[in-house]
Amino acid sequence: MRLKEIILIMALSFIVGCTVKPLEINQSTGFFPTDSKVKEEDILINLKIDDIKKYKYVYLTQSLDTVQNMDSWRSYRALHTKSLSDIKLAQVVSTQELGDIAASKGLKRNFVSFDNAGLEEIAKHVGPFLRVHINYEPINSEWNRYTLEVYDPLEKQYVYKVSSVPLVLFSEEEEMIYPAFNSLISWVKSQRN
């Protein structure tokens, strides 16, 4: 092989490895298939809650500072939504959907705020829900931090948070996103016991 062919193969491998690829939960293990795990010290908040089944909705928000175009942002949104839906914690909703639900329960749309105080008011109208916020931010030119945090508006507190800066060589999903989601699955399972 010539040098140009080798470089082309390596470039294509890198591009294919960095696309957003949703995975299915392995039915025998109950987790997403990945060899990577978050470290214990990356779990920053891990609270026990009274009744995990009381939550009607999971309101998903995301800040993706490393994503530069809307197509990639939408791909990550779809991956996060599908992954949360697969966990079967509650119905996953967007800002628009949560606003519509709140309006259908009598909360005037022009008074709806989506900060923590506003979410508390929305929860008083629609019932208990959790906000899952995903933050994907650059630490420096070589490393990115992936944070997944769960907030309970009625309790006014974060109940779960994992934040890691893993070594990511080829697939961000398998080495960064899915270990965080598997950690969330473990937290959800611990709430059901």
N, C-alpha and C. Protein backbone atom coordinates (compact mmCIF):
# COMPACT_ATOMS: atom_id res chain seq x y z
N MET A 1 0.83 -1.19 0.00
CA MET A 1 0.00 0.00 0.00
C MET A 1 0.87 1.25 0.00
N ARG A 2 0.37 2.21 -0.68
CA ARG A 2 1.09 3.47 -0.69
C ARG A 2 0.68 4.31 0.52
N LEU A 3 1.49 5.27 0.82
CA LEU A 3 1.28 6.14 1.97
C LEU A 3 -0.08 6.86 1.90
N LYS A 4 -0.47 7.32 0.72
CA LYS A 4 -1.75 8.02 0.56
C LYS A 4 -2.92 7.09 0.91
N GLU A 5 -2.85 5.84 0.50
CA GLU A 5 -3.91 4.88 0.81
C GLU A 5 -4.00 4.61 2.31
N ILE A 6 -2.86 4.50 2.95
CA ILE A 6 -2.84 4.27 4.39
C ILE A 6 -3.45 5.46 5.12
N ILE A 7 -3.08 6.67 4.72
CA ILE A 7 -3.64 7.87 5.36
C ILE A 7 -5.14 7.95 5.13
N LEU A 8 -5.60 7.63 3.92
CA LEU A 8 -7.02 7.64 3.62
C LEU A 8 -7.78 6.63 4.49
N ILE A 9 -7.26 5.45 4.63
CA ILE A 9 -7.90 4.42 5.48
C ILE A 9 -7.95 4.89 6.92
N MET A 10 -6.85 5.46 7.40
CA MET A 10 -6.83 5.95 8.79
C MET A 10 -7.83 7.09 8.98
N ALA A 11 -7.92 7.99 8.01
CA ALA A 11 -8.85 9.12 8.12
C ALA A 11 -10.29 8.62 8.11
N LEU A 12 -10.61 7.69 7.22
CA LEU A 12 -11.96 7.14 7.18
C LEU A 12 -12.30 6.39 8.46
N SER A 13 -11.36 5.66 9.02
CA SER A 13 -11.58 4.96 10.28
C SER A 13 -11.86 5.95 11.40
N PHE A 14 -11.13 7.06 11.40
CA PHE A 14 -11.34 8.08 12.43
C PHE A 14 -12.72 8.71 12.28
N ILE A 15 -13.10 9.06 11.04
CA ILE A 15 -14.41 9.68 10.81
C ILE A 15 -15.53 8.73 11.20
N VAL A 16 -15.45 7.48 10.78
CA VAL A 16 -16.48 6.50 11.12
C VAL A 16 -16.54 6.30 12.62
N GLY A 17 -15.41 6.28 13.30
CA GLY A 17 -15.37 6.07 14.74
C GLY A 17 -15.94 7.23 15.53
N CYS A 18 -16.03 8.43 14.95
CA CYS A 18 -16.46 9.61 15.68
C CYS A 18 -17.89 10.02 15.38
N THR A 19 -18.64 9.21 14.66
CA THR A 19 -20.03 9.55 14.42
C THR A 19 -20.88 9.13 15.62
N VAL A 20 -22.02 9.77 15.75
CA VAL A 20 -22.91 9.49 16.86
C VAL A 20 -23.70 8.22 16.52
N LYS A 21 -23.48 7.17 17.30
CA LYS A 21 -24.09 5.88 17.01
C LYS A 21 -24.87 5.39 18.23
N PRO A 22 -26.20 5.45 18.20
CA PRO A 22 -26.97 4.91 19.32
C PRO A 22 -26.77 3.41 19.47
N LEU A 23 -26.64 2.97 20.71
CA LEU A 23 -26.51 1.55 21.01
C LEU A 23 -27.78 1.08 21.70
N GLU A 24 -28.01 -0.20 21.65
CA GLU A 24 -29.14 -0.81 22.35
C GLU A 24 -28.67 -1.36 23.69
N ILE A 25 -29.54 -1.34 24.67
CA ILE A 25 -29.22 -1.96 25.95
C ILE A 25 -29.14 -3.46 25.75
N ASN A 26 -28.10 -4.07 26.28
CA ASN A 26 -27.94 -5.52 26.24
C ASN A 26 -28.99 -6.11 27.19
N GLN A 27 -29.90 -6.89 26.67
CA GLN A 27 -31.01 -7.41 27.47
C GLN A 27 -30.57 -8.36 28.57
N SER A 28 -29.46 -9.03 28.39
CA SER A 28 -29.00 -9.96 29.42
C SER A 28 -28.30 -9.24 30.58
N THR A 29 -27.64 -8.11 30.29
CA THR A 29 -26.94 -7.38 31.36
C THR A 29 -27.75 -6.20 31.89
N GLY A 30 -28.61 -5.64 31.04
CA GLY A 30 -29.37 -4.45 31.43
C GLY A 30 -28.58 -3.16 31.28
N PHE A 31 -27.42 -3.23 30.61
CA PHE A 31 -26.57 -2.06 30.42
C PHE A 31 -26.22 -1.89 28.95
N PHE A 32 -25.77 -0.68 28.60
CA PHE A 32 -25.28 -0.45 27.25
C PHE A 32 -23.93 -1.16 27.08
N PRO A 33 -23.68 -1.74 25.90
CA PRO A 33 -22.42 -2.46 25.68
C PRO A 33 -21.24 -1.50 25.51
N THR A 34 -20.39 -1.46 26.50
CA THR A 34 -19.16 -0.68 26.45
C THR A 34 -18.17 -1.28 27.42
N ASP A 35 -16.92 -1.22 27.09
CA ASP A 35 -15.88 -1.75 27.98
C ASP A 35 -15.45 -0.72 29.02
N SER A 36 -15.76 0.55 28.78
CA SER A 36 -15.36 1.62 29.69
C SER A 36 -16.37 1.80 30.82
N LYS A 37 -15.88 2.22 31.96
CA LYS A 37 -16.73 2.51 33.12
C LYS A 37 -16.29 3.83 33.73
N VAL A 38 -17.23 4.52 34.37
CA VAL A 38 -16.84 5.73 35.09
C VAL A 38 -16.16 5.31 36.39
N LYS A 39 -15.25 6.12 36.83
CA LYS A 39 -14.57 5.86 38.09
C LYS A 39 -15.47 6.27 39.24
N GLU A 40 -15.33 5.62 40.38
CA GLU A 40 -16.13 5.96 41.57
C GLU A 40 -16.00 7.43 41.91
N GLU A 41 -14.79 7.97 41.79
CA GLU A 41 -14.58 9.37 42.14
C GLU A 41 -15.26 10.33 41.16
N ASP A 42 -15.71 9.82 40.01
CA ASP A 42 -16.43 10.66 39.05
C ASP A 42 -17.92 10.79 39.40
N ILE A 43 -18.39 9.96 40.32
CA ILE A 43 -19.78 10.07 40.78
C ILE A 43 -19.79 11.08 41.92
N LEU A 44 -20.27 12.28 41.63
CA LEU A 44 -20.18 13.39 42.56
C LEU A 44 -21.38 13.49 43.50
N ILE A 45 -22.55 13.08 43.03
CA ILE A 45 -23.76 13.07 43.85
C ILE A 45 -24.46 11.74 43.60
N ASN A 46 -24.89 11.09 44.67
CA ASN A 46 -25.53 9.78 44.56
C ASN A 46 -26.51 9.64 45.73
N LEU A 47 -27.68 10.29 45.61
CA LEU A 47 -28.64 10.30 46.70
C LEU A 47 -29.72 9.25 46.50
N LYS A 48 -30.20 8.74 47.59
CA LYS A 48 -31.35 7.83 47.58
C LYS A 48 -32.61 8.68 47.56
N ILE A 49 -33.57 8.31 46.74
CA ILE A 49 -34.85 9.01 46.70
C ILE A 49 -35.95 8.06 47.14
N ASP A 50 -37.05 8.64 47.60
CA ASP A 50 -38.12 7.84 48.19
C ASP A 50 -38.78 6.86 47.22
N ASP A 51 -39.21 7.36 46.08
CA ASP A 51 -39.99 6.53 45.17
C ASP A 51 -39.65 6.89 43.73
N ILE A 52 -38.80 6.14 43.10
CA ILE A 52 -38.37 6.41 41.73
C ILE A 52 -39.53 6.33 40.74
N LYS A 53 -40.57 5.58 41.09
CA LYS A 53 -41.71 5.40 40.18
C LYS A 53 -42.67 6.59 40.17
N LYS A 54 -42.47 7.54 41.07
CA LYS A 54 -43.38 8.69 41.13
C LYS A 54 -43.17 9.69 39.99
N TYR A 55 -42.02 9.62 39.34
CA TYR A 55 -41.71 10.60 38.31
C TYR A 55 -42.44 10.27 37.01
N LYS A 56 -43.15 11.26 36.49
CA LYS A 56 -43.92 11.07 35.26
C LYS A 56 -43.08 11.35 34.01
N TYR A 57 -42.12 12.29 34.17
CA TYR A 57 -41.35 12.74 33.01
C TYR A 57 -39.87 12.86 33.37
N VAL A 58 -39.06 12.76 32.34
CA VAL A 58 -37.65 13.13 32.41
C VAL A 58 -37.48 14.25 31.40
N TYR A 59 -37.19 15.43 31.91
CA TYR A 59 -36.99 16.60 31.06
C TYR A 59 -35.51 16.65 30.71
N LEU A 60 -35.20 16.48 29.43
CA LEU A 60 -33.82 16.41 28.96
C LEU A 60 -33.35 17.76 28.44
N THR A 61 -32.24 18.23 29.00
CA THR A 61 -31.56 19.41 28.47
C THR A 61 -30.11 19.04 28.20
N GLN A 62 -29.49 19.78 27.29
CA GLN A 62 -28.10 19.48 26.98
C GLN A 62 -27.37 20.75 26.57
N SER A 63 -26.12 20.83 27.00
CA SER A 63 -25.19 21.89 26.58
C SER A 63 -24.01 21.17 25.96
N LEU A 64 -23.83 21.38 24.68
CA LEU A 64 -22.80 20.66 23.94
C LEU A 64 -21.80 21.65 23.36
N ASP A 65 -20.92 22.14 24.20
CA ASP A 65 -19.97 23.17 23.77
C ASP A 65 -18.99 22.68 22.72
N THR A 66 -18.79 21.39 22.63
CA THR A 66 -17.82 20.86 21.66
C THR A 66 -18.46 20.60 20.29
N VAL A 67 -19.78 20.66 20.21
CA VAL A 67 -20.48 20.36 18.96
C VAL A 67 -20.65 21.66 18.18
N GLN A 68 -20.17 21.67 16.94
CA GLN A 68 -20.10 22.90 16.16
C GLN A 68 -21.22 23.09 15.15
N ASN A 69 -22.03 22.05 14.87
CA ASN A 69 -23.09 22.25 13.88
C ASN A 69 -24.40 21.63 14.35
N MET A 70 -25.49 22.11 13.80
CA MET A 70 -26.82 21.68 14.23
C MET A 70 -27.10 20.21 13.94
N ASP A 71 -26.57 19.68 12.85
CA ASP A 71 -26.79 18.26 12.55
C ASP A 71 -26.18 17.38 13.65
N SER A 72 -24.97 17.72 14.08
CA SER A 72 -24.35 16.95 15.16
C SER A 72 -25.12 17.15 16.46
N TRP A 73 -25.57 18.38 16.73
CA TRP A 73 -26.34 18.66 17.94
C TRP A 73 -27.60 17.80 17.95
N ARG A 74 -28.29 17.75 16.81
CA ARG A 74 -29.51 16.94 16.71
C ARG A 74 -29.20 15.45 16.89
N SER A 75 -28.07 15.00 16.34
CA SER A 75 -27.68 13.60 16.49
C SER A 75 -27.46 13.26 17.95
N TYR A 76 -26.76 14.15 18.67
CA TYR A 76 -26.55 13.92 20.10
C TYR A 76 -27.87 13.97 20.86
N ARG A 77 -28.74 14.88 20.49
CA ARG A 77 -30.05 14.97 21.14
C ARG A 77 -30.82 13.67 20.94
N ALA A 78 -30.81 13.15 19.73
CA ALA A 78 -31.50 11.89 19.45
C ALA A 78 -30.87 10.74 20.24
N LEU A 79 -29.54 10.71 20.31
CA LEU A 79 -28.86 9.65 21.06
C LEU A 79 -29.21 9.75 22.55
N HIS A 80 -29.16 10.95 23.12
CA HIS A 80 -29.48 11.12 24.54
C HIS A 80 -30.94 10.78 24.82
N THR A 81 -31.85 11.21 23.95
CA THR A 81 -33.27 10.91 24.13
C THR A 81 -33.52 9.41 24.06
N LYS A 82 -32.95 8.76 23.06
CA LYS A 82 -33.14 7.31 22.92
C LYS A 82 -32.55 6.57 24.10
N SER A 83 -31.36 6.96 24.54
CA SER A 83 -30.71 6.28 25.65
C SER A 83 -31.53 6.43 26.93
N LEU A 84 -32.02 7.64 27.20
CA LEU A 84 -32.86 7.83 28.39
C LEU A 84 -34.17 7.07 28.27
N SER A 85 -34.75 7.05 27.08
CA SER A 85 -35.99 6.29 26.87
C SER A 85 -35.77 4.81 27.10
N ASP A 86 -34.63 4.30 26.64
CA ASP A 86 -34.32 2.88 26.80
C ASP A 86 -34.17 2.48 28.27
N ILE A 87 -33.76 3.43 29.10
CA ILE A 87 -33.62 3.15 30.54
C ILE A 87 -35.00 2.95 31.19
N LYS A 88 -36.02 3.53 30.59
CA LYS A 88 -37.41 3.38 31.05
C LYS A 88 -37.64 3.96 32.45
N LEU A 89 -37.02 5.08 32.71
CA LEU A 89 -37.22 5.77 33.98
C LEU A 89 -38.56 6.48 33.96
N ALA A 90 -38.84 7.23 32.91
CA ALA A 90 -40.11 7.94 32.71
C ALA A 90 -40.10 8.45 31.27
N GLN A 91 -41.21 9.06 30.85
CA GLN A 91 -41.30 9.60 29.50
C GLN A 91 -40.32 10.76 29.34
N VAL A 92 -39.48 10.71 28.31
CA VAL A 92 -38.50 11.76 28.06
C VAL A 92 -39.18 12.87 27.26
N VAL A 93 -39.04 14.12 27.76
CA VAL A 93 -39.67 15.26 27.10
C VAL A 93 -38.65 16.38 26.85
N SER A 94 -38.96 17.17 25.83
CA SER A 94 -38.14 18.33 25.47
C SER A 94 -38.71 19.56 26.17
N THR A 95 -38.04 20.69 25.99
CA THR A 95 -38.52 21.95 26.55
C THR A 95 -39.91 22.28 26.01
N GLN A 96 -40.09 22.14 24.71
CA GLN A 96 -41.40 22.41 24.09
C GLN A 96 -42.47 21.50 24.68
N GLU A 97 -42.18 20.22 24.79
CA GLU A 97 -43.17 19.28 25.32
C GLU A 97 -43.50 19.56 26.78
N LEU A 98 -42.49 19.87 27.59
CA LEU A 98 -42.75 20.18 28.99
C LEU A 98 -43.58 21.46 29.10
N GLY A 99 -43.28 22.45 28.29
CA GLY A 99 -44.09 23.68 28.27
C GLY A 99 -45.52 23.40 27.87
N ASP A 100 -45.73 22.52 26.89
CA ASP A 100 -47.09 22.15 26.47
C ASP A 100 -47.83 21.42 27.59
N ILE A 101 -47.14 20.53 28.27
CA ILE A 101 -47.76 19.79 29.38
C ILE A 101 -48.15 20.77 30.49
N ALA A 102 -47.25 21.68 30.82
CA ALA A 102 -47.53 22.67 31.86
C ALA A 102 -48.72 23.55 31.47
N ALA A 103 -48.78 23.97 30.20
CA ALA A 103 -49.90 24.80 29.73
C ALA A 103 -51.21 24.03 29.81
N SER A 104 -51.16 22.73 29.50
CA SER A 104 -52.39 21.92 29.56
C SER A 104 -52.88 21.73 30.99
N LYS A 105 -52.00 21.97 31.96
CA LYS A 105 -52.36 21.85 33.38
C LYS A 105 -52.68 23.21 33.99
N GLY A 106 -52.78 24.25 33.16
CA GLY A 106 -53.21 25.54 33.64
C GLY A 106 -52.12 26.57 33.90
N LEU A 107 -50.88 26.22 33.69
CA LEU A 107 -49.80 27.19 33.89
C LEU A 107 -49.70 28.06 32.63
N LYS A 108 -49.79 29.35 32.81
CA LYS A 108 -49.75 30.25 31.66
C LYS A 108 -48.37 30.22 31.02
N ARG A 109 -48.36 30.00 29.71
CA ARG A 109 -47.11 29.80 28.98
C ARG A 109 -46.14 30.97 29.13
N ASN A 110 -46.64 32.20 29.19
CA ASN A 110 -45.72 33.34 29.30
C ASN A 110 -45.09 33.45 30.69
N PHE A 111 -45.53 32.62 31.63
CA PHE A 111 -44.93 32.60 32.96
C PHE A 111 -44.03 31.39 33.18
N VAL A 112 -43.88 30.57 32.16
CA VAL A 112 -43.07 29.36 32.30
C VAL A 112 -41.59 29.72 32.16
N SER A 113 -40.81 29.36 33.17
CA SER A 113 -39.36 29.55 33.15
C SER A 113 -38.73 28.17 33.32
N PHE A 114 -37.61 27.95 32.66
CA PHE A 114 -36.98 26.64 32.70
C PHE A 114 -35.71 26.60 33.54
N ASP A 115 -35.50 27.62 34.38
CA ASP A 115 -34.42 27.55 35.36
C ASP A 115 -34.92 26.70 36.53
N ASN A 116 -34.09 26.45 37.53
CA ASN A 116 -34.48 25.55 38.62
C ASN A 116 -35.74 26.04 39.35
N ALA A 117 -35.85 27.35 39.61
CA ALA A 117 -37.04 27.89 40.29
C ALA A 117 -38.28 27.71 39.42
N GLY A 118 -38.14 27.93 38.12
CA GLY A 118 -39.26 27.74 37.20
C GLY A 118 -39.67 26.28 37.10
N LEU A 119 -38.69 25.39 37.13
CA LEU A 119 -39.01 23.96 37.08
C LEU A 119 -39.78 23.52 38.32
N GLU A 120 -39.47 24.13 39.46
CA GLU A 120 -40.23 23.83 40.68
C GLU A 120 -41.70 24.21 40.49
N GLU A 121 -41.95 25.36 39.91
CA GLU A 121 -43.34 25.81 39.66
C GLU A 121 -44.03 24.88 38.67
N ILE A 122 -43.32 24.48 37.62
CA ILE A 122 -43.89 23.55 36.65
C ILE A 122 -44.23 22.23 37.32
N ALA A 123 -43.34 21.72 38.18
CA ALA A 123 -43.58 20.44 38.86
C ALA A 123 -44.80 20.51 39.76
N LYS A 124 -45.08 21.66 40.34
CA LYS A 124 -46.28 21.82 41.17
C LYS A 124 -47.54 21.64 40.34
N HIS A 125 -47.46 21.94 39.05
CA HIS A 125 -48.62 21.80 38.17
C HIS A 125 -48.70 20.44 37.49
N VAL A 126 -47.57 19.92 37.04
CA VAL A 126 -47.60 18.68 36.24
C VAL A 126 -47.29 17.44 37.06
N GLY A 127 -46.80 17.61 38.27
CA GLY A 127 -46.42 16.47 39.10
C GLY A 127 -44.92 16.25 39.05
N PRO A 128 -44.46 15.28 39.81
CA PRO A 128 -43.01 15.05 39.93
C PRO A 128 -42.37 14.68 38.58
N PHE A 129 -41.23 15.29 38.31
CA PHE A 129 -40.42 14.92 37.16
C PHE A 129 -38.97 15.19 37.51
N LEU A 130 -38.09 14.64 36.72
CA LEU A 130 -36.66 14.86 36.88
C LEU A 130 -36.13 15.61 35.66
N ARG A 131 -35.19 16.50 35.89
CA ARG A 131 -34.47 17.10 34.77
C ARG A 131 -33.13 16.39 34.68
N VAL A 132 -32.83 15.86 33.51
CA VAL A 132 -31.51 15.30 33.23
C VAL A 132 -30.81 16.30 32.32
N HIS A 133 -29.71 16.84 32.81
CA HIS A 133 -28.93 17.80 32.02
C HIS A 133 -27.59 17.16 31.67
N ILE A 134 -27.27 17.23 30.40
CA ILE A 134 -26.00 16.70 29.91
C ILE A 134 -25.15 17.87 29.43
N ASN A 135 -23.95 17.93 29.94
CA ASN A 135 -23.02 18.99 29.58
C ASN A 135 -21.77 18.34 29.00
N TYR A 136 -21.43 18.75 27.80
CA TYR A 136 -20.26 18.22 27.11
C TYR A 136 -19.40 19.42 26.75
N GLU A 137 -18.30 19.59 27.47
CA GLU A 137 -17.51 20.80 27.33
C GLU A 137 -16.03 20.50 27.18
N PRO A 138 -15.33 21.33 26.44
CA PRO A 138 -13.89 21.14 26.31
C PRO A 138 -13.18 21.58 27.58
N ILE A 139 -12.19 20.81 27.98
CA ILE A 139 -11.33 21.17 29.11
C ILE A 139 -10.11 21.91 28.58
N ASN A 140 -9.58 21.39 27.48
CA ASN A 140 -8.48 22.04 26.77
C ASN A 140 -8.53 21.54 25.34
N SER A 141 -7.50 21.71 24.58
CA SER A 141 -7.54 21.33 23.17
C SER A 141 -7.58 19.81 22.96
N GLU A 142 -7.30 19.03 24.00
CA GLU A 142 -7.24 17.58 23.83
C GLU A 142 -8.29 16.80 24.63
N TRP A 143 -8.87 17.41 25.65
CA TRP A 143 -9.75 16.68 26.55
C TRP A 143 -11.12 17.34 26.64
N ASN A 144 -12.14 16.52 26.78
CA ASN A 144 -13.51 17.00 26.96
C ASN A 144 -14.09 16.40 28.24
N ARG A 145 -14.93 17.17 28.92
CA ARG A 145 -15.62 16.69 30.11
C ARG A 145 -17.07 16.39 29.74
N TYR A 146 -17.55 15.23 30.18
CA TYR A 146 -18.93 14.82 29.96
C TYR A 146 -19.60 14.70 31.33
N THR A 147 -20.65 15.49 31.54
CA THR A 147 -21.35 15.52 32.82
C THR A 147 -22.81 15.19 32.59
N LEU A 148 -23.34 14.32 33.42
CA LEU A 148 -24.75 13.97 33.41
C LEU A 148 -25.27 14.21 34.83
N GLU A 149 -26.23 15.12 34.97
CA GLU A 149 -26.76 15.41 36.29
C GLU A 149 -28.27 15.31 36.29
N VAL A 150 -28.80 14.84 37.43
CA VAL A 150 -30.24 14.63 37.59
C VAL A 150 -30.72 15.55 38.71
N TYR A 151 -31.71 16.37 38.40
CA TYR A 151 -32.24 17.35 39.34
C TYR A 151 -33.72 17.07 39.60
N ASP A 152 -34.12 17.10 40.87
CA ASP A 152 -35.51 16.93 41.26
C ASP A 152 -36.07 18.31 41.64
N PRO A 153 -36.91 18.92 40.79
CA PRO A 153 -37.41 20.26 41.07
C PRO A 153 -38.25 20.37 42.34
N LEU A 154 -39.04 19.36 42.66
CA LEU A 154 -39.86 19.44 43.87
C LEU A 154 -39.01 19.36 45.14
N GLU A 155 -37.96 18.58 45.09
CA GLU A 155 -37.06 18.48 46.25
C GLU A 155 -35.99 19.58 46.25
N LYS A 156 -35.91 20.31 45.14
CA LYS A 156 -34.96 21.41 44.98
C LYS A 156 -33.52 20.95 45.20
N GLN A 157 -33.19 19.80 44.62
CA GLN A 157 -31.83 19.30 44.79
C GLN A 157 -31.42 18.38 43.65
N TYR A 158 -30.11 18.33 43.44
CA TYR A 158 -29.55 17.36 42.52
C TYR A 158 -29.50 16.03 43.25
N VAL A 159 -29.95 14.97 42.59
CA VAL A 159 -29.99 13.65 43.23
C VAL A 159 -28.92 12.71 42.67
N TYR A 160 -28.40 13.05 41.49
CA TYR A 160 -27.34 12.22 40.91
C TYR A 160 -26.50 13.08 39.97
N LYS A 161 -25.19 12.87 40.02
CA LYS A 161 -24.30 13.59 39.11
C LYS A 161 -23.04 12.77 38.89
N VAL A 162 -22.71 12.60 37.62
CA VAL A 162 -21.46 11.95 37.24
C VAL A 162 -20.77 12.88 36.25
N SER A 163 -19.48 13.07 36.44
CA SER A 163 -18.72 13.96 35.58
C SER A 163 -17.33 13.38 35.37
N SER A 164 -16.99 13.14 34.11
CA SER A 164 -15.70 12.50 33.85
C SER A 164 -15.00 13.12 32.65
N VAL A 165 -13.71 12.92 32.63
CA VAL A 165 -12.86 13.33 31.51
C VAL A 165 -12.13 12.07 31.06
N PRO A 166 -12.82 11.21 30.33
CA PRO A 166 -12.19 9.95 29.93
C PRO A 166 -11.26 10.12 28.74
N LEU A 167 -10.37 9.17 28.61
CA LEU A 167 -9.53 9.09 27.44
C LEU A 167 -10.39 8.58 26.30
N VAL A 168 -10.57 9.39 25.29
CA VAL A 168 -11.41 9.03 24.15
C VAL A 168 -10.53 8.98 22.91
N LEU A 169 -10.40 7.78 22.36
CA LEU A 169 -9.54 7.63 21.20
C LEU A 169 -10.33 7.63 19.89
N PHE A 170 -11.38 6.84 19.82
CA PHE A 170 -12.10 6.73 18.56
C PHE A 170 -13.58 7.00 18.68
N SER A 171 -14.25 6.40 19.62
CA SER A 171 -15.70 6.53 19.71
C SER A 171 -16.10 7.24 20.99
N GLU A 172 -16.57 8.46 20.88
CA GLU A 172 -17.00 9.21 22.04
C GLU A 172 -18.18 8.54 22.74
N GLU A 173 -19.05 7.92 21.96
CA GLU A 173 -20.23 7.31 22.55
C GLU A 173 -19.86 6.14 23.46
N GLU A 174 -19.07 5.23 22.94
CA GLU A 174 -18.76 4.03 23.70
C GLU A 174 -17.80 4.29 24.86
N GLU A 175 -16.97 5.29 24.74
CA GLU A 175 -15.96 5.52 25.77
C GLU A 175 -16.33 6.64 26.74
N MET A 176 -17.33 7.46 26.39
CA MET A 176 -17.66 8.58 27.26
C MET A 176 -19.15 8.61 27.59
N ILE A 177 -20.00 8.59 26.61
CA ILE A 177 -21.43 8.74 26.84
C ILE A 177 -22.02 7.51 27.53
N TYR A 178 -21.78 6.33 26.97
CA TYR A 178 -22.42 5.14 27.52
C TYR A 178 -21.93 4.73 28.91
N PRO A 179 -20.68 4.94 29.27
CA PRO A 179 -20.31 4.69 30.67
C PRO A 179 -21.12 5.58 31.64
N ALA A 180 -21.36 6.84 31.25
CA ALA A 180 -22.17 7.73 32.10
C ALA A 180 -23.61 7.22 32.17
N PHE A 181 -24.16 6.78 31.05
CA PHE A 181 -25.52 6.25 31.05
C PHE A 181 -25.60 4.94 31.83
N ASN A 182 -24.58 4.10 31.74
CA ASN A 182 -24.56 2.87 32.54
C ASN A 182 -24.50 3.19 34.03
N SER A 183 -23.78 4.22 34.37
CA SER A 183 -23.73 4.68 35.76
C SER A 183 -25.13 5.13 36.21
N LEU A 184 -25.83 5.85 35.33
CA LEU A 184 -27.21 6.28 35.62
C LEU A 184 -28.12 5.06 35.79
N ILE A 185 -27.95 4.05 34.94
CA ILE A 185 -28.75 2.83 35.06
C ILE A 185 -28.52 2.19 36.43
N SER A 186 -27.27 2.12 36.87
CA SER A 186 -26.97 1.56 38.20
C SER A 186 -27.67 2.36 39.28
N TRP A 187 -27.66 3.68 39.16
CA TRP A 187 -28.34 4.53 40.16
C TRP A 187 -29.85 4.25 40.16
N VAL A 188 -30.45 4.17 38.98
CA VAL A 188 -31.89 3.90 38.89
C VAL A 188 -32.20 2.54 39.50
N LYS A 189 -31.40 1.53 39.18
CA LYS A 189 -31.63 0.19 39.74
C LYS A 189 -31.50 0.22 41.26
N SER A 190 -30.57 0.97 41.79
CA SER A 190 -30.40 1.04 43.26
C SER A 190 -31.60 1.71 43.91
N GLN A 191 -32.32 2.54 43.19
CA GLN A 191 -33.51 3.21 43.72
C GLN A 191 -34.70 2.24 43.78
N ARG A 192 -34.67 1.25 42.92
CA ARG A 192 -35.80 0.31 42.84
C ARG A 192 -35.68 -0.82 43.84
N ASN A 193 -34.53 -0.95 44.48
CA ASN A 193 -34.31 -2.04 45.46
C ASN A 193 -34.77 -1.62 46.86
